[in-house]
Amino acid sequence: MNLYFQQTYQRSFGTFPLTGDTLASAVAEAAKVGYRAFDTAQMYNNETEVGAAIAALGLPRDEICITTKVHPDNFTDALFLASVEGSLKKLGLDRVDALLLHWPAYDGDNTVSLRLLQKAKRQGLADHIGISNYTSTMMREAASLLDEPIITNQVEFHPLLDQSILLKAATETGIPLASYCSVARGEVFKYPLFAEIGASYGKSAAQVVLRWILQKGVPINTMSTKPDNIRANFDVMDFTLSSIDMDRIDAMRATGYRCVDKAKVPTAPEWD
């Protein structure tokens, strides 16, 4: 993984569920404050608009990192590569920087989709490949199956959910985690601790949460349509939480709050 990609990927701008002018203005504002990594997916139905918004920025291609994710409906020999080529056409790109499997296969057997993912990289459709919403067991299976490096497992990650099993698997497999639902879709703001800690650093509750994630060694993926929040979410590299404050936040993981469960995504795996 090149250094620019690695550094840029630490703070990625998510585009779900944005569309139309709202998406275009949010991407423009994100780029203005410094974001250079942008995340989309086939499932979001906004790849065309993301591509147009990024093209409108006028930035050199090698300064932009684009991630998209393949829908499980396309995890077959007949559909996979064609769907990736379709995503590239919508995005207006000849390759993406990172191509992920959005979810495990419906039947629980990820062998076919993982091998097709590797094939897509070897055909030059993606510079890097990764996975999303994989359990620790699935991470180990993926690491043993593929020859190409797996750059990430993008998962729900925030202080209200204990993902220590996945963090351990990340260390064992060499597959780093990346976060989505980084502020638990606003749930973290119900807990005064984050604002209390933030006050001592001159930072907001959200910035404390995002900084905690980064100090866990996990890149953050955030989305907002409000310019002030977009800037604040990016502005989390100029302070460091103390070990005492990290421990206080660690204790919040016992809350056990999960944004994405089987009630919302019936095909989700049995989480660790």
C-alpha atoms as a PDB file:
ATOM      1  CA  MET A   1       0.000   0.000   0.000  1.00  0.00           C
ATOM      2  CA  ASN A   2       1.514   3.331  -0.973  1.00  0.00           C
ATOM      3  CA  LEU A   3       2.068   5.903   1.756  1.00  0.00           C
ATOM      4  CA  TYR A   4      -0.276   8.477   0.238  1.00  0.00           C
ATOM      5  CA  PHE A   5      -3.144   6.001   0.141  1.00  0.00           C
ATOM      6  CA  GLN A   6      -2.430   4.841   3.681  1.00  0.00           C
ATOM      7  CA  GLN A   7      -2.402   8.386   5.083  1.00  0.00           C
ATOM      8  CA  THR A   8      -5.383   9.583   3.051  1.00  0.00           C
ATOM      9  CA  TYR A   9      -7.491   6.554   3.952  1.00  0.00           C
ATOM     10  CA  GLN A  10      -7.272   7.425   7.669  1.00  0.00           C
ATOM     11  CA  ARG A  11     -10.160   9.862   7.185  1.00  0.00           C
ATOM     12  CA  SER A  12     -12.651   8.930   4.487  1.00  0.00           C
ATOM     13  CA  PHE A  13     -15.854  10.724   3.531  1.00  0.00           C
ATOM     14  CA  GLY A  14     -18.875   8.433   3.280  1.00  0.00           C
ATOM     15  CA  THR A  15     -21.643   9.123   0.777  1.00  0.00           C
ATOM     16  CA  PHE A  16     -24.535   6.971   2.029  1.00  0.00           C
ATOM     17  CA  PRO A  17     -27.422   7.845   1.698  1.00  0.00           C
ATOM     18  CA  LEU A  18     -26.656  11.027  -0.248  1.00  0.00           C
ATOM     19  CA  THR A  19     -27.869  11.762  -3.782  1.00  0.00           C
ATOM     20  CA  GLY A  20     -28.327  14.714  -6.122  1.00  0.00           C
ATOM     21  CA  ASP A  21     -27.353  18.255  -5.180  1.00  0.00           C
ATOM     22  CA  THR A  22     -27.001  17.282  -1.526  1.00  0.00           C
ATOM     23  CA  LEU A  23     -24.296  14.771  -2.419  1.00  0.00           C
ATOM     24  CA  ALA A  24     -22.531  17.167  -4.788  1.00  0.00           C
ATOM     25  CA  SER A  25     -22.360  19.980  -2.232  1.00  0.00           C
ATOM     26  CA  ALA A  26     -21.248  17.639   0.567  1.00  0.00           C
ATOM     27  CA  VAL A  27     -18.429  16.157  -1.529  1.00  0.00           C
ATOM     28  CA  ALA A  28     -17.322  19.643  -2.578  1.00  0.00           C
ATOM     29  CA  GLU A  29     -17.259  20.813   1.031  1.00  0.00           C
ATOM     30  CA  ALA A  30     -15.423  17.664   2.142  1.00  0.00           C
ATOM     31  CA  ALA A  31     -12.730  18.216  -0.484  1.00  0.00           C
ATOM     32  CA  LYS A  32     -12.480  21.874   0.544  1.00  0.00           C
ATOM     33  CA  VAL A  33     -11.613  20.969   4.139  1.00  0.00           C
ATOM     34  CA  GLY A  34      -9.106  18.327   3.068  1.00  0.00           C
ATOM     35  CA  TYR A  35     -10.805  14.981   2.492  1.00  0.00           C
ATOM     36  CA  ARG A  36      -9.238  13.023  -0.349  1.00  0.00           C
ATOM     37  CA  ALA A  37     -10.797   9.592   0.289  1.00  0.00           C
ATOM     38  CA  PHE A  38     -14.427   9.000  -0.698  1.00  0.00           C
ATOM     39  CA  ASP A  39     -16.524   5.900  -0.069  1.00  0.00           C
ATOM     40  CA  THR A  40     -19.475   4.602  -2.076  1.00  0.00           C
ATOM     41  CA  ALA A  41     -21.022   1.243  -3.002  1.00  0.00           C
ATOM     42  CA  GLN A  42     -23.200  -0.412  -5.590  1.00  0.00           C
ATOM     43  CA  MET A  43     -25.827  -0.751  -2.861  1.00  0.00           C
ATOM     44  CA  TYR A  44     -25.965   3.030  -2.379  1.00  0.00           C
ATOM     45  CA  ASN A  45     -27.221   3.662  -5.913  1.00  0.00           C
ATOM     46  CA  ASN A  46     -25.177   6.848  -6.115  1.00  0.00           C
ATOM     47  CA  GLU A  47     -21.960   5.860  -7.909  1.00  0.00           C
ATOM     48  CA  THR A  48     -22.807   7.978 -10.958  1.00  0.00           C
ATOM     49  CA  GLU A  49     -23.412  11.037  -8.804  1.00  0.00           C
ATOM     50  CA  VAL A  50     -20.290  10.386  -6.732  1.00  0.00           C
ATOM     51  CA  GLY A  51     -18.254  10.133  -9.916  1.00  0.00           C
ATOM     52  CA  ALA A  52     -19.675  13.407 -11.228  1.00  0.00           C
ATOM     53  CA  ALA A  53     -19.094  15.182  -7.908  1.00  0.00           C
ATOM     54  CA  ILE A  54     -15.483  14.032  -7.771  1.00  0.00           C
ATOM     55  CA  ALA A  55     -14.855  14.966 -11.410  1.00  0.00           C
ATOM     56  CA  ALA A  56     -16.195  18.442 -10.655  1.00  0.00           C
ATOM     57  CA  LEU A  57     -13.492  18.901  -8.022  1.00  0.00           C
ATOM     58  CA  GLY A  58     -10.854  19.057 -10.745  1.00  0.00           C
ATOM     59  CA  LEU A  59      -8.261  17.346  -8.567  1.00  0.00           C
ATOM     60  CA  PRO A  60      -5.525  15.138 -10.035  1.00  0.00           C
ATOM     61  CA  ARG A  61      -6.515  11.477 -10.054  1.00  0.00           C
ATOM     62  CA  ASP A  62      -3.523  10.461  -7.997  1.00  0.00           C
ATOM     63  CA  GLU A  63      -4.679  12.762  -5.179  1.00  0.00           C
ATOM     64  CA  ILE A  64      -8.043  11.023  -4.806  1.00  0.00           C
ATOM     65  CA  CYS A  65      -8.769   7.653  -3.197  1.00  0.00           C
ATOM     66  CA  ILE A  66     -12.076   6.074  -4.206  1.00  0.00           C
ATOM     67  CA  THR A  67     -13.621   3.025  -2.533  1.00  0.00           C
ATOM     68  CA  THR A  68     -16.631   1.159  -3.815  1.00  0.00           C
ATOM     69  CA  LYS A  69     -18.182  -2.104  -2.699  1.00  0.00           C
ATOM     70  CA  VAL A  70     -19.698  -5.003  -4.610  1.00  0.00           C
ATOM     71  CA  HIS A  71     -23.297  -5.979  -3.802  1.00  0.00           C
ATOM     72  CA  PRO A  72     -23.788  -9.625  -2.729  1.00  0.00           C
ATOM     73  CA  ASP A  73     -26.296 -10.063  -5.564  1.00  0.00           C
ATOM     74  CA  ASN A  74     -23.271  -9.893  -7.876  1.00  0.00           C
ATOM     75  CA  PHE A  75     -21.168 -12.557  -6.165  1.00  0.00           C
ATOM     76  CA  THR A  76     -21.243 -14.956  -9.121  1.00  0.00           C
ATOM     77  CA  ASP A  77     -18.905 -15.699 -12.022  1.00  0.00           C
ATOM     78  CA  ALA A  78     -21.494 -14.346 -14.434  1.00  0.00           C
ATOM     79  CA  LEU A  79     -22.051 -11.028 -12.678  1.00  0.00           C
ATOM     80  CA  PHE A  80     -19.089 -10.021 -10.516  1.00  0.00           C
ATOM     81  CA  LEU A  81     -16.571  -8.544 -12.967  1.00  0.00           C
ATOM     82  CA  ALA A  82     -19.303  -7.048 -15.119  1.00  0.00           C
ATOM     83  CA  SER A  83     -20.743  -5.295 -12.079  1.00  0.00           C
ATOM     84  CA  VAL A  84     -17.318  -3.873 -11.177  1.00  0.00           C
ATOM     85  CA  GLU A  85     -16.877  -2.621 -14.737  1.00  0.00           C
ATOM     86  CA  GLY A  86     -20.325  -1.066 -14.429  1.00  0.00           C
ATOM     87  CA  SER A  87     -19.288   0.677 -11.229  1.00  0.00           C
ATOM     88  CA  LEU A  88     -16.167   2.052 -12.909  1.00  0.00           C
ATOM     89  CA  LYS A  89     -18.242   3.375 -15.811  1.00  0.00           C
ATOM     90  CA  LYS A  90     -20.614   5.100 -13.404  1.00  0.00           C
ATOM     91  CA  LEU A  91     -17.722   6.566 -11.441  1.00  0.00           C
ATOM     92  CA  GLY A  92     -15.935   7.664 -14.620  1.00  0.00           C
ATOM     93  CA  LEU A  93     -12.784   5.778 -13.626  1.00  0.00           C
ATOM     94  CA  ASP A  94     -10.593   3.087 -15.141  1.00  0.00           C
ATOM     95  CA  ARG A  95      -9.955   1.637 -11.672  1.00  0.00           C
ATOM     96  CA  VAL A  96     -10.842   2.241  -8.046  1.00  0.00           C
ATOM     97  CA  ASP A  97      -8.289   2.581  -5.303  1.00  0.00           C
ATOM     98  CA  ALA A  98     -10.112   0.067  -3.099  1.00  0.00           C
ATOM     99  CA  LEU A  99     -12.719  -2.535  -4.080  1.00  0.00           C
ATOM    100  CA  LEU A 100     -14.527  -4.239  -1.205  1.00  0.00           C
ATOM    101  CA  LEU A 101     -17.020  -7.053  -0.813  1.00  0.00           C
ATOM    102  CA  HIS A 102     -19.884  -5.205   0.884  1.00  0.00           C
ATOM    103  CA  TRP A 103     -21.204  -8.190   2.864  1.00  0.00           C
ATOM    104  CA  PRO A 104     -20.438 -11.864   3.271  1.00  0.00           C
ATOM    105  CA  ALA A 105     -22.069 -14.164   0.735  1.00  0.00           C
ATOM    106  CA  TYR A 106     -25.695 -14.965   1.453  1.00  0.00           C
ATOM    107  CA  ASP A 107     -24.972 -18.681   1.891  1.00  0.00           C
ATOM    108  CA  GLY A 108     -22.000 -18.079   4.185  1.00  0.00           C
ATOM    109  CA  ASP A 109     -19.471 -19.480   1.685  1.00  0.00           C
ATOM    110  CA  ASN A 110     -17.198 -16.586   0.709  1.00  0.00           C
ATOM    111  CA  THR A 111     -14.789 -18.588  -1.449  1.00  0.00           C
ATOM    112  CA  VAL A 112     -16.245 -17.589  -4.823  1.00  0.00           C
ATOM    113  CA  SER A 113     -16.624 -13.872  -4.056  1.00  0.00           C
ATOM    114  CA  LEU A 114     -13.144 -13.620  -2.547  1.00  0.00           C
ATOM    115  CA  ARG A 115     -11.514 -15.250  -5.551  1.00  0.00           C
ATOM    116  CA  LEU A 116     -13.476 -13.002  -7.900  1.00  0.00           C
ATOM    117  CA  LEU A 117     -12.382  -9.991  -5.859  1.00  0.00           C
ATOM    118  CA  GLN A 118      -8.757 -11.036  -6.281  1.00  0.00           C
ATOM    119  CA  LYS A 119      -9.354 -11.566 -10.001  1.00  0.00           C
ATOM    120  CA  ALA A 120     -10.723  -8.023 -10.309  1.00  0.00           C
ATOM    121  CA  LYS A 121      -7.535  -6.640  -8.804  1.00  0.00           C
ATOM    122  CA  ARG A 122      -5.326  -8.727 -11.050  1.00  0.00           C
ATOM    123  CA  GLN A 123      -7.250  -7.499 -14.074  1.00  0.00           C
ATOM    124  CA  GLY A 124      -6.439  -3.928 -13.074  1.00  0.00           C
ATOM    125  CA  LEU A 125      -9.916  -2.895 -11.969  1.00  0.00           C
ATOM    126  CA  ALA A 126      -8.715  -1.997  -8.461  1.00  0.00           C
ATOM    127  CA  ASP A 127      -5.418  -1.071  -6.854  1.00  0.00           C
ATOM    128  CA  HIS A 128      -6.377  -2.644  -3.528  1.00  0.00           C
ATOM    129  CA  ILE A 129      -9.015  -5.087  -2.316  1.00  0.00           C
ATOM    130  CA  GLY A 130     -10.858  -5.494   0.952  1.00  0.00           C
ATOM    131  CA  ILE A 131     -13.879  -6.853   2.735  1.00  0.00           C
ATOM    132  CA  SER A 132     -16.691  -5.448   4.840  1.00  0.00           C
ATOM    133  CA  ASN A 133     -18.895  -6.822   7.610  1.00  0.00           C
ATOM    134  CA  TYR A 134     -16.765  -9.951   8.000  1.00  0.00           C
ATOM    135  CA  THR A 135     -16.605 -11.828  11.298  1.00  0.00           C
ATOM    136  CA  SER A 136     -13.267 -12.838  12.838  1.00  0.00           C
ATOM    137  CA  THR A 137     -13.660 -16.364  11.457  1.00  0.00           C
ATOM    138  CA  MET A 138     -14.338 -14.963   7.992  1.00  0.00           C
ATOM    139  CA  MET A 139     -11.287 -12.704   8.278  1.00  0.00           C
ATOM    140  CA  ARG A 140      -9.085 -15.712   8.961  1.00  0.00           C
ATOM    141  CA  GLU A 141     -10.607 -17.631   6.077  1.00  0.00           C
ATOM    142  CA  ALA A 142     -10.064 -14.693   3.714  1.00  0.00           C
ATOM    143  CA  ALA A 143      -6.447 -14.260   4.789  1.00  0.00           C
ATOM    144  CA  SER A 144      -5.738 -17.946   4.204  1.00  0.00           C
ATOM    145  CA  LEU A 145      -7.520 -18.054   0.842  1.00  0.00           C
ATOM    146  CA  LEU A 146      -6.111 -15.020  -0.962  1.00  0.00           C
ATOM    147  CA  ASP A 147      -2.591 -14.277  -2.142  1.00  0.00           C
ATOM    148  CA  GLU A 148      -3.232 -10.551  -2.575  1.00  0.00           C
ATOM    149  CA  PRO A 149      -3.156  -8.336   0.540  1.00  0.00           C
ATOM    150  CA  ILE A 150      -6.550  -7.487   2.047  1.00  0.00           C
ATOM    151  CA  ILE A 151      -6.300  -3.832   3.017  1.00  0.00           C
ATOM    152  CA  THR A 152      -9.352  -3.558   5.269  1.00  0.00           C
ATOM    153  CA  ASN A 153     -12.406  -5.070   6.881  1.00  0.00           C
ATOM    154  CA  GLN A 154     -14.869  -2.164   7.060  1.00  0.00           C
ATOM    155  CA  VAL A 155     -17.145  -2.742  10.035  1.00  0.00           C
ATOM    156  CA  GLU A 156     -19.359  -0.920  12.490  1.00  0.00           C
ATOM    157  CA  PHE A 157     -16.929   0.532  15.012  1.00  0.00           C
ATOM    158  CA  HIS A 158     -17.626   3.041  17.769  1.00  0.00           C
ATOM    159  CA  PRO A 159     -17.256   3.279  21.580  1.00  0.00           C
ATOM    160  CA  LEU A 160     -20.693   1.808  22.319  1.00  0.00           C
ATOM    161  CA  LEU A 161     -19.829  -1.563  20.774  1.00  0.00           C
ATOM    162  CA  ASP A 162     -17.119  -3.982  21.845  1.00  0.00           C
ATOM    163  CA  GLN A 163     -15.194  -5.041  18.745  1.00  0.00           C
ATOM    164  CA  SER A 164     -12.184  -6.413  20.606  1.00  0.00           C
ATOM    165  CA  ILE A 165     -12.605  -9.821  18.944  1.00  0.00           C
ATOM    166  CA  LEU A 166     -12.307  -8.215  15.515  1.00  0.00           C
ATOM    167  CA  LEU A 167      -9.346  -6.096  16.641  1.00  0.00           C
ATOM    168  CA  LYS A 168      -7.593  -9.252  17.777  1.00  0.00           C
ATOM    169  CA  ALA A 169      -8.354 -10.909  14.437  1.00  0.00           C
ATOM    170  CA  ALA A 170      -6.992  -7.835  12.655  1.00  0.00           C
ATOM    171  CA  THR A 171      -3.688  -8.248  14.473  1.00  0.00           C
ATOM    172  CA  GLU A 172      -3.574 -11.989  13.795  1.00  0.00           C
ATOM    173  CA  THR A 173      -4.483 -11.775  10.103  1.00  0.00           C
ATOM    174  CA  GLY A 174      -2.872  -8.484   9.119  1.00  0.00           C
ATOM    175  CA  ILE A 175      -6.261  -7.235   7.871  1.00  0.00           C
ATOM    176  CA  PRO A 176      -6.818  -3.766   9.397  1.00  0.00           C
ATOM    177  CA  LEU A 177     -10.291  -2.677  10.426  1.00  0.00           C
ATOM    178  CA  ALA A 178     -11.955   0.513   9.202  1.00  0.00           C
ATOM    179  CA  SER A 179     -15.024   2.060  10.788  1.00  0.00           C
ATOM    180  CA  TYR A 180     -18.482   2.929   9.621  1.00  0.00           C
ATOM    181  CA  CYS A 181     -21.265   4.254  11.876  1.00  0.00           C
ATOM    182  CA  SER A 182     -18.384   5.951  13.654  1.00  0.00           C
ATOM    183  CA  VAL A 183     -20.655   8.001  15.942  1.00  0.00           C
ATOM    184  CA  ALA A 184     -23.260   5.212  16.124  1.00  0.00           C
ATOM    185  CA  ARG A 185     -25.647   7.298  14.009  1.00  0.00           C
ATOM    186  CA  GLY A 186     -25.824   9.880  16.769  1.00  0.00           C
ATOM    187  CA  GLU A 187     -26.349   7.458  19.663  1.00  0.00           C
ATOM    188  CA  VAL A 188     -23.057   8.507  21.272  1.00  0.00           C
ATOM    189  CA  PHE A 189     -24.468  11.979  21.904  1.00  0.00           C
ATOM    190  CA  LYS A 190     -26.840  10.542  24.496  1.00  0.00           C
ATOM    191  CA  TYR A 191     -23.863   9.954  26.786  1.00  0.00           C
ATOM    192  CA  PRO A 192     -22.388  13.034  28.554  1.00  0.00           C
ATOM    193  CA  LEU A 193     -18.949  11.431  28.940  1.00  0.00           C
ATOM    194  CA  PHE A 194     -17.829  12.296  25.419  1.00  0.00           C
ATOM    195  CA  ALA A 195     -18.675  15.993  25.711  1.00  0.00           C
ATOM    196  CA  GLU A 196     -17.116  16.082  29.189  1.00  0.00           C
ATOM    197  CA  ILE A 197     -13.853  14.671  27.882  1.00  0.00           C
ATOM    198  CA  GLY A 198     -14.011  16.923  24.845  1.00  0.00           C
ATOM    199  CA  ALA A 199     -14.251  20.045  26.991  1.00  0.00           C
ATOM    200  CA  SER A 200     -10.782  19.414  28.416  1.00  0.00           C
ATOM    201  CA  TYR A 201      -9.300  19.277  24.903  1.00  0.00           C
ATOM    202  CA  GLY A 202     -11.374  22.039  23.321  1.00  0.00           C
ATOM    203  CA  LYS A 203     -13.056  19.434  21.121  1.00  0.00           C
ATOM    204  CA  SER A 204     -16.614  18.234  20.562  1.00  0.00           C
ATOM    205  CA  ALA A 205     -18.101  14.917  21.650  1.00  0.00           C
ATOM    206  CA  ALA A 206     -17.972  13.689  18.044  1.00  0.00           C
ATOM    207  CA  GLN A 207     -14.310  14.609  17.713  1.00  0.00           C
ATOM    208  CA  VAL A 208     -13.509  12.700  20.904  1.00  0.00           C
ATOM    209  CA  VAL A 209     -15.287   9.620  19.577  1.00  0.00           C
ATOM    210  CA  LEU A 210     -13.482   9.818  16.234  1.00  0.00           C
ATOM    211  CA  ARG A 211     -10.136  10.357  17.908  1.00  0.00           C
ATOM    212  CA  TRP A 212     -10.732   7.314  20.145  1.00  0.00           C
ATOM    213  CA  ILE A 213     -11.346   5.224  17.026  1.00  0.00           C
ATOM    214  CA  LEU A 214      -8.161   6.465  15.366  1.00  0.00           C
ATOM    215  CA  GLN A 215      -6.135   5.744  18.500  1.00  0.00           C
ATOM    216  CA  LYS A 216      -7.469   2.187  18.332  1.00  0.00           C
ATOM    217  CA  GLY A 217      -5.661   1.993  14.997  1.00  0.00           C
ATOM    218  CA  VAL A 218      -8.888   2.093  12.988  1.00  0.00           C
ATOM    219  CA  PRO A 219      -9.431   4.547  10.089  1.00  0.00           C
ATOM    220  CA  ILE A 220     -12.690   6.511  10.228  1.00  0.00           C
ATOM    221  CA  ASN A 221     -15.421   6.866   7.635  1.00  0.00           C
ATOM    222  CA  THR A 222     -17.752   9.777   8.353  1.00  0.00           C
ATOM    223  CA  MET A 223     -20.608  11.548   6.579  1.00  0.00           C
ATOM    224  CA  SER A 224     -22.341  14.853   7.117  1.00  0.00           C
ATOM    225  CA  THR A 225     -24.073  17.425   4.952  1.00  0.00           C
ATOM    226  CA  LYS A 226     -23.346  20.319   7.332  1.00  0.00           C
ATOM    227  CA  PRO A 227     -20.140  22.244   6.540  1.00  0.00           C
ATOM    228  CA  ASP A 228     -19.253  22.789  10.205  1.00  0.00           C
ATOM    229  CA  ASN A 229     -19.633  19.087  10.986  1.00  0.00           C
ATOM    230  CA  ILE A 230     -17.729  18.032   7.863  1.00  0.00           C
ATOM    231  CA  ARG A 231     -14.833  20.223   8.967  1.00  0.00           C
ATOM    232  CA  ALA A 232     -15.011  19.082  12.591  1.00  0.00           C
ATOM    233  CA  ASN A 233     -15.007  15.410  11.587  1.00  0.00           C
ATOM    234  CA  PHE A 234     -11.822  16.016   9.608  1.00  0.00           C
ATOM    235  CA  ASP A 235     -10.164  18.100  12.321  1.00  0.00           C
ATOM    236  CA  VAL A 236      -9.207  15.263  14.661  1.00  0.00           C
ATOM    237  CA  MET A 237      -5.473  14.935  14.135  1.00  0.00           C
ATOM    238  CA  ASP A 238      -4.256  17.786  16.342  1.00  0.00           C
ATOM    239  CA  PHE A 239      -4.886  16.244  19.762  1.00  0.00           C
ATOM    240  CA  THR A 240      -4.297  12.948  21.543  1.00  0.00           C
ATOM    241  CA  LEU A 241      -6.533  11.394  24.173  1.00  0.00           C
ATOM    242  CA  SER A 242      -4.732  10.433  27.371  1.00  0.00           C
ATOM    243  CA  SER A 243      -4.551   6.804  28.431  1.00  0.00           C
ATOM    244  CA  ILE A 244      -6.937   7.641  31.288  1.00  0.00           C
ATOM    245  CA  ASP A 245      -9.518   9.091  28.905  1.00  0.00           C
ATOM    246  CA  MET A 246      -9.068   6.167  26.512  1.00  0.00           C
ATOM    247  CA  ASP A 247      -9.816   3.801  29.389  1.00  0.00           C
ATOM    248  CA  ARG A 248     -12.910   5.790  30.385  1.00  0.00           C
ATOM    249  CA  ILE A 249     -14.197   5.555  26.829  1.00  0.00           C
ATOM    250  CA  ASP A 250     -13.254   1.865  26.605  1.00  0.00           C
ATOM    251  CA  ALA A 251     -15.663   1.190  29.454  1.00  0.00           C
ATOM    252  CA  MET A 252     -18.522   2.459  27.282  1.00  0.00           C
ATOM    253  CA  ARG A 253     -18.174  -0.594  25.045  1.00  0.00           C
ATOM    254  CA  ALA A 254     -20.182  -2.523  27.616  1.00  0.00           C
ATOM    255  CA  THR A 255     -23.235  -0.600  26.334  1.00  0.00           C
ATOM    256  CA  GLY A 256     -23.432  -3.154  23.513  1.00  0.00           C
ATOM    257  CA  TYR A 257     -25.260  -0.865  21.081  1.00  0.00           C
ATOM    258  CA  ARG A 258     -25.225  -2.029  17.456  1.00  0.00           C
ATOM    259  CA  CYS A 259     -26.606   0.099  14.609  1.00  0.00           C
ATOM    260  CA  VAL A 260     -26.636  -2.646  11.985  1.00  0.00           C
ATOM    261  CA  ASP A 261     -28.241  -5.842  13.214  1.00  0.00           C
ATOM    262  CA  LYS A 262     -30.319  -8.593  11.649  1.00  0.00           C
ATOM    263  CA  ALA A 263     -33.482  -6.556  12.135  1.00  0.00           C
ATOM    264  CA  LYS A 264     -32.085  -3.992   9.688  1.00  0.00           C
ATOM    265  CA  VAL A 265     -30.084  -6.383   7.478  1.00  0.00           C
ATOM    266  CA  PRO A 266     -31.607  -9.885   7.663  1.00  0.00           C
ATOM    267  CA  THR A 267     -28.684 -11.373   5.705  1.00  0.00           C
ATOM    268  CA  ALA A 268     -26.095 -10.069   8.184  1.00  0.00           C
ATOM    269  CA  PRO A 269     -23.813 -12.752   9.656  1.00  0.00           C
ATOM    270  CA  GLU A 270     -23.868 -13.875  13.246  1.00  0.00           C
ATOM    271  CA  TRP A 271     -21.696 -11.130  14.695  1.00  0.00           C
ATOM    272  CA  ASP A 272     -18.764 -11.861  17.015  1.00  0.00           C
END
